[in-house]
Amino acid sequence: MKKVLLGCAVPFVLLGAVVAVLLPTVTVGAAEPGRTSVSGVPEEYRPWVLAAAAHCHDPALAPELLAAQLFEESGFRADARSPAGAEGAAQFMPGTWATWGRDDDHSGTASPFEIGDAVMAQGRLMCSLLGQAAVSGFVDDPRRLALAAYNAGWAAVEANRGVPPFAETQRYVADIIGNLARFRGAGQLSEITGHGVGPDAARRAATQLGVPYSYGGGSPAGPSRGYCDGDGGQRDGQCLAGTTVGWDCSALVQYAYWPARRLPRTAAEQYSATADRPVARADLRVGDLLFWRHTVSGHIYHVALYIGHGMMISAPKTGDVVKEAPVADMPDSDFAGATRP
């Protein structure tokens, strides 16, 4: 079979463990770069949401995901109780709390009614569920699978090989994913303006923010498991792409434009198909495609969507997620040019 070079073959970062994550002592505010912003969250929750996101190995656990989940669970009410017996802002059942709850705020007790304890436990549980979702092989956004498991249990997700058909769980997942933009902090996503095919493609790509990178993964139908070859997908003899549902760079671009523009699958093919419509950097518009090539071989290895203000939406590498990033993050010496589909 003829080998197809996808592009996006960049250094890999090993995903973390699938099982429960034992976190170090929490220092509130010690968030990692890129996880320092969230909006629409009560001030007493904000440092804990940022800390919970920062202490997870999985970049899919963004602060806005935890915030939207807290809003759905309790409306940020620390004293919330459900008729079923769930307690606190993150709505833990007593049995689940016994596994995940700790005295993270160092008050002397571990309580689901204390904001710090509840949010950090929520982060630990979601981090573990995202790990399970990432290696499950189920064809869906791992965030959706993790949220469904938080609501209905991982056994229900496993039995249905995806989000269970329960009305409550379906609504729960849809509400949280739909509210992500509401809680996304300033600077985490530039406003995508304009009308037409390009801006529409950029907005469609933005719906995939936070979905994992998977070498060879993705199609016009949505994210999927990738595969490994001599150029990417594996590390230390382990095929990560084969168990990760997500996107590589060119699949994300193809999905964003489909079906208005039926772009081919790989970054190199997309460059060839659109090279007759080049765009100067000074004339970039939302939705334009940005390409990078290896300086020695000339092979196109990465493509991203321009979203304005010097920013792009990109699926960069294994261990990362679809995200907004400055165009300047990519090496200028490798820049092959921009095109307009």
C-alpha atoms as a PDB file:
ATOM      1  CA  MET A   1       0.000   0.000   0.000  1.00  0.00           C
ATOM      2  CA  LYS A   2       1.314   3.424  -0.890  1.00  0.00           C
ATOM      3  CA  LYS A   3       2.438   5.441   2.107  1.00  0.00           C
ATOM      4  CA  VAL A   4       0.562   8.725   2.616  1.00  0.00           C
ATOM      5  CA  LEU A   5       2.354  11.466   4.516  1.00  0.00           C
ATOM      6  CA  LEU A   6      -0.177  13.222   6.693  1.00  0.00           C
ATOM      7  CA  GLY A   7       1.889  16.027   8.122  1.00  0.00           C
ATOM      8  CA  CYS A   8       1.620  17.081  11.755  1.00  0.00           C
ATOM      9  CA  ALA A   9       4.349  14.561  12.618  1.00  0.00           C
ATOM     10  CA  VAL A  10       5.882  16.373  15.558  1.00  0.00           C
ATOM     11  CA  PRO A  11       7.480  15.255  18.845  1.00  0.00           C
ATOM     12  CA  PHE A  12       5.184  13.243  21.075  1.00  0.00           C
ATOM     13  CA  VAL A  13       4.304  13.657  24.723  1.00  0.00           C
ATOM     14  CA  LEU A  14       3.075  10.547  26.496  1.00  0.00           C
ATOM     15  CA  LEU A  15      -0.445  10.731  27.828  1.00  0.00           C
ATOM     16  CA  GLY A  16      -0.857  10.159  31.544  1.00  0.00           C
ATOM     17  CA  ALA A  17      -2.214   7.215  33.440  1.00  0.00           C
ATOM     18  CA  VAL A  18      -5.717   5.977  32.885  1.00  0.00           C
ATOM     19  CA  VAL A  19      -6.536   5.145  36.481  1.00  0.00           C
ATOM     20  CA  ALA A  20      -7.089   7.390  39.471  1.00  0.00           C
ATOM     21  CA  VAL A  21      -4.584  10.217  39.599  1.00  0.00           C
ATOM     22  CA  LEU A  22      -2.883  10.888  42.921  1.00  0.00           C
ATOM     23  CA  LEU A  23      -2.079  14.572  42.994  1.00  0.00           C
ATOM     24  CA  PRO A  24       0.513  16.398  45.077  1.00  0.00           C
ATOM     25  CA  THR A  25      -0.324  18.910  47.759  1.00  0.00           C
ATOM     26  CA  VAL A  26      -2.196  21.767  46.117  1.00  0.00           C
ATOM     27  CA  THR A  27      -0.859  25.280  46.038  1.00  0.00           C
ATOM     28  CA  VAL A  28      -3.789  27.433  44.959  1.00  0.00           C
ATOM     29  CA  GLY A  29      -2.919  29.571  41.988  1.00  0.00           C
ATOM     30  CA  ALA A  30      -0.062  27.343  40.824  1.00  0.00           C
ATOM     31  CA  ALA A  31      -1.550  26.912  37.363  1.00  0.00           C
ATOM     32  CA  GLU A  32       0.405  25.907  34.309  1.00  0.00           C
ATOM     33  CA  PRO A  33       0.903  28.324  31.391  1.00  0.00           C
ATOM     34  CA  GLY A  34      -2.186  28.348  29.185  1.00  0.00           C
ATOM     35  CA  ARG A  35      -4.448  27.342  32.082  1.00  0.00           C
ATOM     36  CA  THR A  36      -4.586  30.664  33.870  1.00  0.00           C
ATOM     37  CA  SER A  37      -7.847  32.121  32.653  1.00  0.00           C
ATOM     38  CA  VAL A  38     -11.518  31.433  33.227  1.00  0.00           C
ATOM     39  CA  SER A  39     -14.513  33.759  33.220  1.00  0.00           C
ATOM     40  CA  GLY A  40     -18.005  33.842  34.688  1.00  0.00           C
ATOM     41  CA  VAL A  41     -16.929  31.961  37.827  1.00  0.00           C
ATOM     42  CA  PRO A  42     -17.564  33.210  41.383  1.00  0.00           C
ATOM     43  CA  GLU A  43     -14.331  34.523  42.862  1.00  0.00           C
ATOM     44  CA  GLU A  44     -14.191  31.912  45.607  1.00  0.00           C
ATOM     45  CA  TYR A  45     -14.242  29.159  42.948  1.00  0.00           C
ATOM     46  CA  ARG A  46     -11.770  30.653  40.509  1.00  0.00           C
ATOM     47  CA  PRO A  47      -8.423  29.645  42.133  1.00  0.00           C
ATOM     48  CA  TRP A  48      -9.653  26.113  42.741  1.00  0.00           C
ATOM     49  CA  VAL A  49     -10.926  25.655  39.179  1.00  0.00           C
ATOM     50  CA  LEU A  50      -7.559  26.792  37.846  1.00  0.00           C
ATOM     51  CA  ALA A  51      -5.654  24.584  40.293  1.00  0.00           C
ATOM     52  CA  ALA A  52      -7.767  21.512  39.492  1.00  0.00           C
ATOM     53  CA  ALA A  53      -7.166  21.972  35.755  1.00  0.00           C
ATOM     54  CA  ALA A  54      -3.456  22.621  36.212  1.00  0.00           C
ATOM     55  CA  HIS A  55      -2.893  19.496  38.323  1.00  0.00           C
ATOM     56  CA  CYS A  56      -4.329  17.160  35.676  1.00  0.00           C
ATOM     57  CA  HIS A  57      -1.955  15.585  33.159  1.00  0.00           C
ATOM     58  CA  ASP A  58      -4.600  15.809  30.412  1.00  0.00           C
ATOM     59  CA  PRO A  59      -4.892  19.182  28.618  1.00  0.00           C
ATOM     60  CA  ALA A  60      -8.509  18.364  27.747  1.00  0.00           C
ATOM     61  CA  LEU A  61      -9.401  19.217  31.359  1.00  0.00           C
ATOM     62  CA  ALA A  62      -9.566  22.945  30.697  1.00  0.00           C
ATOM     63  CA  PRO A  63     -10.764  25.377  33.384  1.00  0.00           C
ATOM     64  CA  GLU A  64     -13.887  26.212  31.381  1.00  0.00           C
ATOM     65  CA  LEU A  65     -14.865  22.527  31.298  1.00  0.00           C
ATOM     66  CA  LEU A  66     -14.740  22.303  35.098  1.00  0.00           C
ATOM     67  CA  ALA A  67     -16.573  25.629  35.431  1.00  0.00           C
ATOM     68  CA  ALA A  68     -19.353  24.642  33.027  1.00  0.00           C
ATOM     69  CA  GLN A  69     -19.722  21.340  34.863  1.00  0.00           C
ATOM     70  CA  LEU A  70     -19.992  23.057  38.259  1.00  0.00           C
ATOM     71  CA  PHE A  71     -22.608  25.401  36.848  1.00  0.00           C
ATOM     72  CA  GLU A  72     -24.599  22.431  35.538  1.00  0.00           C
ATOM     73  CA  GLU A  73     -24.228  20.422  38.745  1.00  0.00           C
ATOM     74  CA  SER A  74     -25.093  23.072  41.326  1.00  0.00           C
ATOM     75  CA  GLY A  75     -25.095  26.578  39.878  1.00  0.00           C
ATOM     76  CA  PHE A  76     -21.970  27.150  42.046  1.00  0.00           C
ATOM     77  CA  ARG A  77     -23.921  26.454  45.258  1.00  0.00           C
ATOM     78  CA  ALA A  78     -21.559  24.939  47.792  1.00  0.00           C
ATOM     79  CA  ASP A  79     -24.458  23.734  49.958  1.00  0.00           C
ATOM     80  CA  ALA A  80     -26.366  22.037  47.129  1.00  0.00           C
ATOM     81  CA  ARG A  81     -28.083  18.723  47.801  1.00  0.00           C
ATOM     82  CA  SER A  82     -29.990  16.564  45.345  1.00  0.00           C
ATOM     83  CA  PRO A  83     -33.003  14.322  46.057  1.00  0.00           C
ATOM     84  CA  ALA A  84     -30.775  11.360  45.164  1.00  0.00           C
ATOM     85  CA  GLY A  85     -28.299  12.285  47.914  1.00  0.00           C
ATOM     86  CA  ALA A  86     -25.569  14.053  45.908  1.00  0.00           C
ATOM     87  CA  GLU A  87     -23.826  16.757  47.930  1.00  0.00           C
ATOM     88  CA  GLY A  88     -21.968  20.003  47.384  1.00  0.00           C
ATOM     89  CA  ALA A  89     -20.961  22.142  44.438  1.00  0.00           C
ATOM     90  CA  ALA A  90     -19.700  19.144  42.432  1.00  0.00           C
ATOM     91  CA  GLN A  91     -22.599  16.879  43.538  1.00  0.00           C
ATOM     92  CA  PHE A  92     -20.720  13.870  44.887  1.00  0.00           C
ATOM     93  CA  MET A  93     -22.560  10.838  46.143  1.00  0.00           C
ATOM     94  CA  PRO A  94     -21.131   9.720  49.515  1.00  0.00           C
ATOM     95  CA  GLY A  95     -19.593   6.537  48.089  1.00  0.00           C
ATOM     96  CA  THR A  96     -17.863   8.410  45.268  1.00  0.00           C
ATOM     97  CA  TRP A  97     -16.688  11.104  47.678  1.00  0.00           C
ATOM     98  CA  ALA A  98     -15.057   8.453  49.839  1.00  0.00           C
ATOM     99  CA  THR A  99     -12.810   7.607  46.881  1.00  0.00           C
ATOM    100  CA  TRP A 100     -12.022  11.073  45.542  1.00  0.00           C
ATOM    101  CA  GLY A 101     -12.481  13.514  48.430  1.00  0.00           C
ATOM    102  CA  ARG A 102      -9.506  14.981  50.308  1.00  0.00           C
ATOM    103  CA  ASP A 103      -8.779  17.885  52.604  1.00  0.00           C
ATOM    104  CA  ASP A 104      -7.370  20.037  49.805  1.00  0.00           C
ATOM    105  CA  ASP A 105      -8.113  23.331  51.546  1.00  0.00           C
ATOM    106  CA  HIS A 106      -6.345  22.118  54.737  1.00  0.00           C
ATOM    107  CA  SER A 107      -9.317  22.954  56.925  1.00  0.00           C
ATOM    108  CA  GLY A 108      -8.941  19.777  58.935  1.00  0.00           C
ATOM    109  CA  THR A 109     -11.822  17.979  57.240  1.00  0.00           C
ATOM    110  CA  ALA A 110     -12.525  16.638  53.756  1.00  0.00           C
ATOM    111  CA  SER A 111     -16.028  17.814  52.867  1.00  0.00           C
ATOM    112  CA  PRO A 112     -17.983  17.949  49.589  1.00  0.00           C
ATOM    113  CA  PHE A 113     -19.534  21.166  50.963  1.00  0.00           C
ATOM    114  CA  GLU A 114     -16.155  22.944  51.067  1.00  0.00           C
ATOM    115  CA  ILE A 115     -15.404  24.583  47.721  1.00  0.00           C
ATOM    116  CA  GLY A 116     -11.719  23.708  47.536  1.00  0.00           C
ATOM    117  CA  ASP A 117     -12.228  20.081  48.500  1.00  0.00           C
ATOM    118  CA  ALA A 118     -15.158  19.671  46.088  1.00  0.00           C
ATOM    119  CA  VAL A 119     -13.503  21.235  43.046  1.00  0.00           C
ATOM    120  CA  MET A 120     -10.203  19.414  43.472  1.00  0.00           C
ATOM    121  CA  ALA A 121     -12.061  16.101  43.853  1.00  0.00           C
ATOM    122  CA  GLN A 122     -14.076  16.941  40.745  1.00  0.00           C
ATOM    123  CA  GLY A 123     -10.824  17.560  38.892  1.00  0.00           C
ATOM    124  CA  ARG A 124      -9.291  14.274  40.043  1.00  0.00           C
ATOM    125  CA  LEU A 125     -12.335  12.275  38.978  1.00  0.00           C
ATOM    126  CA  MET A 126     -12.658  14.050  35.613  1.00  0.00           C
ATOM    127  CA  CYS A 127      -8.937  13.620  34.946  1.00  0.00           C
ATOM    128  CA  SER A 128      -9.233   9.884  35.503  1.00  0.00           C
ATOM    129  CA  LEU A 129     -12.374   9.629  33.349  1.00  0.00           C
ATOM    130  CA  LEU A 130     -10.712  11.555  30.519  1.00  0.00           C
ATOM    131  CA  GLY A 131      -7.873   9.052  30.661  1.00  0.00           C
ATOM    132  CA  GLN A 132     -10.308   6.150  30.397  1.00  0.00           C
ATOM    133  CA  ALA A 133     -12.149   7.866  27.541  1.00  0.00           C
ATOM    134  CA  ALA A 134      -8.922   8.525  25.634  1.00  0.00           C
ATOM    135  CA  VAL A 135      -7.967   4.843  25.486  1.00  0.00           C
ATOM    136  CA  SER A 136     -11.472   3.411  25.224  1.00  0.00           C
ATOM    137  CA  GLY A 137     -11.563   3.423  21.438  1.00  0.00           C
ATOM    138  CA  PHE A 138     -15.104   4.795  21.515  1.00  0.00           C
ATOM    139  CA  VAL A 139     -15.593   7.188  18.616  1.00  0.00           C
ATOM    140  CA  ASP A 140     -16.600  10.376  20.403  1.00  0.00           C
ATOM    141  CA  ASP A 141     -15.073  13.451  22.008  1.00  0.00           C
ATOM    142  CA  PRO A 142     -13.336  12.215  25.192  1.00  0.00           C
ATOM    143  CA  ARG A 143     -14.781  15.205  27.047  1.00  0.00           C
ATOM    144  CA  ARG A 144     -18.315  14.044  26.230  1.00  0.00           C
ATOM    145  CA  LEU A 145     -17.495  10.507  27.331  1.00  0.00           C
ATOM    146  CA  ALA A 146     -15.955  11.704  30.605  1.00  0.00           C
ATOM    147  CA  LEU A 147     -18.926  13.945  31.364  1.00  0.00           C
ATOM    148  CA  ALA A 148     -21.337  11.118  30.609  1.00  0.00           C
ATOM    149  CA  ALA A 149     -19.391   8.866  32.977  1.00  0.00           C
ATOM    150  CA  TYR A 150     -19.428  11.517  35.719  1.00  0.00           C
ATOM    151  CA  ASN A 151     -23.217  11.631  35.383  1.00  0.00           C
ATOM    152  CA  ALA A 152     -24.119   7.999  34.725  1.00  0.00           C
ATOM    153  CA  GLY A 153     -20.987   6.009  35.591  1.00  0.00           C
ATOM    154  CA  TRP A 154     -18.272   4.587  33.368  1.00  0.00           C
ATOM    155  CA  ALA A 155     -20.043   1.223  33.245  1.00  0.00           C
ATOM    156  CA  ALA A 156     -22.970   2.859  31.425  1.00  0.00           C
ATOM    157  CA  VAL A 157     -20.601   4.499  28.920  1.00  0.00           C
ATOM    158  CA  GLU A 158     -18.832   1.201  28.360  1.00  0.00           C
ATOM    159  CA  ALA A 159     -22.091  -0.724  27.955  1.00  0.00           C
ATOM    160  CA  ASN A 160     -23.273   1.730  25.291  1.00  0.00           C
ATOM    161  CA  ARG A 161     -19.836   2.278  23.718  1.00  0.00           C
ATOM    162  CA  GLY A 162     -20.442   5.978  24.026  1.00  0.00           C
ATOM    163  CA  VAL A 163     -22.732   8.490  25.713  1.00  0.00           C
ATOM    164  CA  PRO A 164     -25.691   6.485  27.094  1.00  0.00           C
ATOM    165  CA  PRO A 165     -29.125   7.193  25.589  1.00  0.00           C
ATOM    166  CA  PHE A 166     -30.504   8.379  28.941  1.00  0.00           C
ATOM    167  CA  ALA A 167     -32.331  11.680  28.543  1.00  0.00           C
ATOM    168  CA  GLU A 168     -30.729  13.175  31.660  1.00  0.00           C
ATOM    169  CA  THR A 169     -27.205  12.214  30.594  1.00  0.00           C
ATOM    170  CA  GLN A 170     -27.697  13.414  27.033  1.00  0.00           C
ATOM    171  CA  ARG A 171     -28.946  16.785  28.306  1.00  0.00           C
ATOM    172  CA  TYR A 172     -26.175  17.005  30.902  1.00  0.00           C
ATOM    173  CA  VAL A 173     -23.419  16.491  28.327  1.00  0.00           C
ATOM    174  CA  ALA A 174     -24.991  18.831  25.757  1.00  0.00           C
ATOM    175  CA  ASP A 175     -25.518  21.611  28.303  1.00  0.00           C
ATOM    176  CA  ILE A 176     -21.925  21.537  29.553  1.00  0.00           C
ATOM    177  CA  ILE A 177     -20.319  21.413  26.108  1.00  0.00           C
ATOM    178  CA  GLY A 178     -22.679  24.176  24.990  1.00  0.00           C
ATOM    179  CA  ASN A 179     -21.613  26.393  27.912  1.00  0.00           C
ATOM    180  CA  LEU A 180     -17.847  26.141  27.419  1.00  0.00           C
ATOM    181  CA  ALA A 181     -17.627  29.477  25.585  1.00  0.00           C
ATOM    182  CA  ARG A 182     -19.470  31.156  28.450  1.00  0.00           C
ATOM    183  CA  PHE A 183     -16.704  30.260  30.911  1.00  0.00           C
ATOM    184  CA  ARG A 184     -13.682  30.475  28.611  1.00  0.00           C
ATOM    185  CA  GLY A 185     -11.339  33.138  29.913  1.00  0.00           C
ATOM    186  CA  ALA A 186     -10.269  36.249  28.096  1.00  0.00           C
ATOM    187  CA  GLY A 187      -7.524  35.525  25.626  1.00  0.00           C
ATOM    188  CA  GLN A 188      -8.329  31.818  25.411  1.00  0.00           C
ATOM    189  CA  LEU A 189     -10.273  32.261  22.176  1.00  0.00           C
ATOM    190  CA  SER A 190     -10.171  35.271  19.921  1.00  0.00           C
ATOM    191  CA  GLU A 191     -13.558  36.373  18.653  1.00  0.00           C
ATOM    192  CA  ILE A 192     -14.157  34.881  15.225  1.00  0.00           C
ATOM    193  CA  THR A 193     -15.820  37.560  13.137  1.00  0.00           C
ATOM    194  CA  GLY A 194     -17.168  37.796   9.621  1.00  0.00           C
ATOM    195  CA  HIS A 195     -19.484  35.827   7.385  1.00  0.00           C
ATOM    196  CA  GLY A 196     -18.884  33.405   4.566  1.00  0.00           C
ATOM    197  CA  VAL A 197     -17.135  30.108   3.998  1.00  0.00           C
ATOM    198  CA  GLY A 198     -13.868  31.015   5.756  1.00  0.00           C
ATOM    199  CA  PRO A 199     -15.313  32.402   9.018  1.00  0.00           C
ATOM    200  CA  ASP A 200     -17.863  29.573   9.094  1.00  0.00           C
ATOM    201  CA  ALA A 201     -15.022  27.042   8.791  1.00  0.00           C
ATOM    202  CA  ALA A 202     -13.101  28.735  11.602  1.00  0.00           C
ATOM    203  CA  ARG A 203     -16.162  28.660  13.848  1.00  0.00           C
ATOM    204  CA  ARG A 204     -16.705  24.979  13.080  1.00  0.00           C
ATOM    205  CA  ALA A 205     -13.081  24.231  13.942  1.00  0.00           C
ATOM    206  CA  ALA A 206     -13.559  26.124  17.218  1.00  0.00           C
ATOM    207  CA  THR A 207     -16.255  23.640  18.254  1.00  0.00           C
ATOM    208  CA  GLN A 208     -13.453  21.059  18.522  1.00  0.00           C
ATOM    209  CA  LEU A 209     -11.277  23.012  20.958  1.00  0.00           C
ATOM    210  CA  GLY A 210     -10.012  20.673  23.659  1.00  0.00           C
ATOM    211  CA  VAL A 211     -10.356  17.476  21.613  1.00  0.00           C
ATOM    212  CA  PRO A 212      -7.096  15.461  21.680  1.00  0.00           C
ATOM    213  CA  TYR A 213      -4.574  15.299  18.867  1.00  0.00           C
ATOM    214  CA  SER A 214      -4.436  11.885  17.209  1.00  0.00           C
ATOM    215  CA  TYR A 215      -2.042  11.206  14.336  1.00  0.00           C
ATOM    216  CA  GLY A 216      -4.151  10.015  11.388  1.00  0.00           C
ATOM    217  CA  GLY A 217      -7.366  10.672  13.317  1.00  0.00           C
ATOM    218  CA  GLY A 218     -10.445  12.479  12.081  1.00  0.00           C
ATOM    219  CA  SER A 219     -12.567  12.777   8.948  1.00  0.00           C
ATOM    220  CA  PRO A 220     -15.475  14.915   7.682  1.00  0.00           C
ATOM    221  CA  ALA A 221     -17.682  12.784   9.941  1.00  0.00           C
ATOM    222  CA  GLY A 222     -15.838  13.799  13.125  1.00  0.00           C
ATOM    223  CA  PRO A 223     -12.921  12.755  15.354  1.00  0.00           C
ATOM    224  CA  SER A 224     -11.706   9.171  15.236  1.00  0.00           C
ATOM    225  CA  ARG A 225      -8.862   6.934  16.331  1.00  0.00           C
ATOM    226  CA  GLY A 226      -5.613   7.443  14.458  1.00  0.00           C
ATOM    227  CA  TYR A 227      -2.833   5.036  13.592  1.00  0.00           C
ATOM    228  CA  CYS A 228       0.920   4.704  13.790  1.00  0.00           C
ATOM    229  CA  ASP A 229       3.531   4.592  11.052  1.00  0.00           C
ATOM    230  CA  GLY A 230       7.170   5.517  10.667  1.00  0.00           C
ATOM    231  CA  ASP A 231       6.388   9.229  10.867  1.00  0.00           C
ATOM    232  CA  GLY A 232       4.142   9.483  13.872  1.00  0.00           C
ATOM    233  CA  GLY A 233       1.630   8.093  16.288  1.00  0.00           C
ATOM    234  CA  GLN A 234       3.932   6.205  18.648  1.00  0.00           C
ATOM    235  CA  ARG A 235       6.396   6.727  21.442  1.00  0.00           C
ATOM    236  CA  ASP A 236       8.679   4.296  23.238  1.00  0.00           C
ATOM    237  CA  GLY A 237       7.200   1.475  21.182  1.00  0.00           C
ATOM    238  CA  GLN A 238       3.632   2.331  22.218  1.00  0.00           C
ATOM    239  CA  CYS A 239       1.072   3.305  19.581  1.00  0.00           C
ATOM    240  CA  LEU A 240      -0.755   6.211  21.209  1.00  0.00           C
ATOM    241  CA  ALA A 241      -2.708   7.289  18.145  1.00  0.00           C
ATOM    242  CA  GLY A 242      -4.340   3.881  17.852  1.00  0.00           C
ATOM    243  CA  THR A 243      -6.177   4.403  21.148  1.00  0.00           C
ATOM    244  CA  THR A 244      -6.799   8.157  20.978  1.00  0.00           C
ATOM    245  CA  VAL A 245      -9.978   9.552  19.420  1.00  0.00           C
ATOM    246  CA  GLY A 246      -9.201  12.968  18.023  1.00  0.00           C
ATOM    247  CA  TRP A 247      -7.803  14.996  15.143  1.00  0.00           C
ATOM    248  CA  ASP A 248      -4.603  15.556  13.300  1.00  0.00           C
ATOM    249  CA  CYS A 249      -4.011  18.964  11.747  1.00  0.00           C
ATOM    250  CA  SER A 250      -5.237  18.287   8.222  1.00  0.00           C
ATOM    251  CA  ALA A 251      -8.304  16.292   9.284  1.00  0.00           C
ATOM    252  CA  LEU A 252      -9.410  19.225  11.444  1.00  0.00           C
ATOM    253  CA  VAL A 253      -9.062  21.575   8.462  1.00  0.00           C
ATOM    254  CA  GLN A 254     -10.913  19.155   6.191  1.00  0.00           C
ATOM    255  CA  TYR A 255     -13.740  18.837   8.744  1.00  0.00           C
ATOM    256  CA  ALA A 256     -13.946  22.607   9.242  1.00  0.00           C
ATOM    257  CA  TYR A 257     -14.511  23.297   5.549  1.00  0.00           C
ATOM    258  CA  TRP A 258     -16.666  20.272   4.712  1.00  0.00           C
ATOM    259  CA  PRO A 259     -18.902  20.217   2.684  1.00  0.00           C
ATOM    260  CA  ALA A 260     -18.641  23.840   1.472  1.00  0.00           C
ATOM    261  CA  ARG A 261     -15.095  23.095   0.307  1.00  0.00           C
ATOM    262  CA  ARG A 262     -14.216  19.418  -0.135  1.00  0.00           C
ATOM    263  CA  LEU A 263     -10.535  19.645   0.685  1.00  0.00           C
ATOM    264  CA  PRO A 264      -8.325  16.551   0.361  1.00  0.00           C
ATOM    265  CA  ARG A 265      -7.117  14.699   3.453  1.00  0.00           C
ATOM    266  CA  THR A 266      -3.447  15.515   3.994  1.00  0.00           C
ATOM    267  CA  ALA A 267      -1.666  18.811   4.654  1.00  0.00           C
ATOM    268  CA  ALA A 268       0.478  18.421   1.526  1.00  0.00           C
ATOM    269  CA  GLU A 269      -2.578  17.675  -0.620  1.00  0.00           C
ATOM    270  CA  GLN A 270      -4.436  20.648   0.855  1.00  0.00           C
ATOM    271  CA  TYR A 271      -1.525  22.916   0.012  1.00  0.00           C
ATOM    272  CA  SER A 272      -1.400  21.616  -3.578  1.00  0.00           C
ATOM    273  CA  ALA A 273      -5.175  21.982  -3.961  1.00  0.00           C
ATOM    274  CA  THR A 274      -5.195  25.613  -2.817  1.00  0.00           C
ATOM    275  CA  ALA A 275      -1.743  26.882  -3.847  1.00  0.00           C
ATOM    276  CA  ASP A 276      -3.227  28.692  -6.853  1.00  0.00           C
ATOM    277  CA  ARG A 277      -4.956  31.025  -4.382  1.00  0.00           C
ATOM    278  CA  PRO A 278      -2.037  32.322  -2.299  1.00  0.00           C
ATOM    279  CA  VAL A 279      -2.507  34.997   0.356  1.00  0.00           C
ATOM    280  CA  ALA A 280       0.144  37.413   1.593  1.00  0.00           C
ATOM    281  CA  ARG A 281       0.579  37.611   5.378  1.00  0.00           C
ATOM    282  CA  ALA A 282      -0.577  41.222   5.321  1.00  0.00           C
ATOM    283  CA  ASP A 283      -3.833  40.163   3.645  1.00  0.00           C
ATOM    284  CA  LEU A 284      -4.796  37.208   5.852  1.00  0.00           C
ATOM    285  CA  ARG A 285      -8.497  36.723   6.543  1.00  0.00           C
ATOM    286  CA  VAL A 286     -10.355  34.498   8.981  1.00  0.00           C
ATOM    287  CA  GLY A 287     -10.417  30.944   7.629  1.00  0.00           C
ATOM    288  CA  ASP A 288      -7.277  31.182   5.513  1.00  0.00           C
ATOM    289  CA  LEU A 289      -4.998  28.152   5.675  1.00  0.00           C
ATOM    290  CA  LEU A 290      -1.451  28.419   7.033  1.00  0.00           C
ATOM    291  CA  PHE A 291       1.177  25.866   5.989  1.00  0.00           C
ATOM    292  CA  TRP A 292       4.633  24.899   7.265  1.00  0.00           C
ATOM    293  CA  ARG A 293       7.242  22.729   5.516  1.00  0.00           C
ATOM    294  CA  HIS A 294      10.483  20.998   6.413  1.00  0.00           C
ATOM    295  CA  THR A 295      13.324  23.202   5.206  1.00  0.00           C
ATOM    296  CA  VAL A 296      15.402  20.263   3.888  1.00  0.00           C
ATOM    297  CA  SER A 297      12.827  17.988   2.247  1.00  0.00           C
ATOM    298  CA  GLY A 298      10.269  20.677   1.441  1.00  0.00           C
ATOM    299  CA  HIS A 299       7.481  18.384   2.696  1.00  0.00           C
ATOM    300  CA  ILE A 300       4.433  20.183   4.112  1.00  0.00           C
ATOM    301  CA  TYR A 301       4.123  18.958   7.699  1.00  0.00           C
ATOM    302  CA  HIS A 302       1.501  21.218   9.303  1.00  0.00           C
ATOM    303  CA  VAL A 303      -1.627  23.196   8.459  1.00  0.00           C
ATOM    304  CA  ALA A 304      -3.762  25.464  10.642  1.00  0.00           C
ATOM    305  CA  LEU A 305      -6.722  27.837  10.297  1.00  0.00           C
ATOM    306  CA  TYR A 306      -6.165  31.561  10.727  1.00  0.00           C
ATOM    307  CA  ILE A 307      -8.745  33.191  13.034  1.00  0.00           C
ATOM    308  CA  GLY A 308      -7.507  36.776  13.100  1.00  0.00           C
ATOM    309  CA  HIS A 309      -5.321  38.947  15.339  1.00  0.00           C
ATOM    310  CA  GLY A 310      -2.250  36.802  14.690  1.00  0.00           C
ATOM    311  CA  MET A 311      -3.963  33.692  16.076  1.00  0.00           C
ATOM    312  CA  MET A 312      -4.791  30.271  14.640  1.00  0.00           C
ATOM    313  CA  ILE A 313      -6.729  27.133  15.537  1.00  0.00           C
ATOM    314  CA  SER A 314      -4.453  24.138  15.309  1.00  0.00           C
ATOM    315  CA  ALA A 315      -4.199  20.437  16.159  1.00  0.00           C
ATOM    316  CA  PRO A 316      -0.465  20.455  16.983  1.00  0.00           C
ATOM    317  CA  LYS A 317       0.930  17.200  18.407  1.00  0.00           C
ATOM    318  CA  THR A 318       0.331  14.052  20.412  1.00  0.00           C
ATOM    319  CA  GLY A 319      -0.369  14.822  24.059  1.00  0.00           C
ATOM    320  CA  ASP A 320      -1.870  18.166  23.126  1.00  0.00           C
ATOM    321  CA  VAL A 321      -5.361  19.198  22.078  1.00  0.00           C
ATOM    322  CA  VAL A 322      -7.035  21.301  19.410  1.00  0.00           C
ATOM    323  CA  LYS A 323      -6.381  24.829  20.598  1.00  0.00           C
ATOM    324  CA  GLU A 324      -6.004  28.474  19.785  1.00  0.00           C
ATOM    325  CA  ALA A 325      -2.380  29.566  19.539  1.00  0.00           C
ATOM    326  CA  PRO A 326      -0.328  32.449  18.170  1.00  0.00           C
ATOM    327  CA  VAL A 327       0.846  31.913  14.602  1.00  0.00           C
ATOM    328  CA  ALA A 328       4.264  32.961  15.914  1.00  0.00           C
ATOM    329  CA  ASP A 329       4.435  29.711  17.930  1.00  0.00           C
ATOM    330  CA  MET A 330       5.428  27.920  14.726  1.00  0.00           C
ATOM    331  CA  PRO A 331       8.949  28.411  13.318  1.00  0.00           C
ATOM    332  CA  ASP A 332       8.958  31.284  10.868  1.00  0.00           C
ATOM    333  CA  SER A 333      11.742  29.652   8.851  1.00  0.00           C
ATOM    334  CA  ASP A 334       9.376  26.744   8.049  1.00  0.00           C
ATOM    335  CA  PHE A 335       6.455  28.894   6.897  1.00  0.00           C
ATOM    336  CA  ALA A 336       5.449  27.759   3.400  1.00  0.00           C
ATOM    337  CA  GLY A 337       2.667  30.286   2.847  1.00  0.00           C
ATOM    338  CA  ALA A 338      -1.035  30.888   3.248  1.00  0.00           C
ATOM    339  CA  THR A 339      -3.899  30.049   0.898  1.00  0.00           C
ATOM    340  CA  ARG A 340      -7.629  30.749   0.671  1.00  0.00           C
ATOM    341  CA  PRO A 341      -9.826  27.697  -0.121  1.00  0.00           C
END
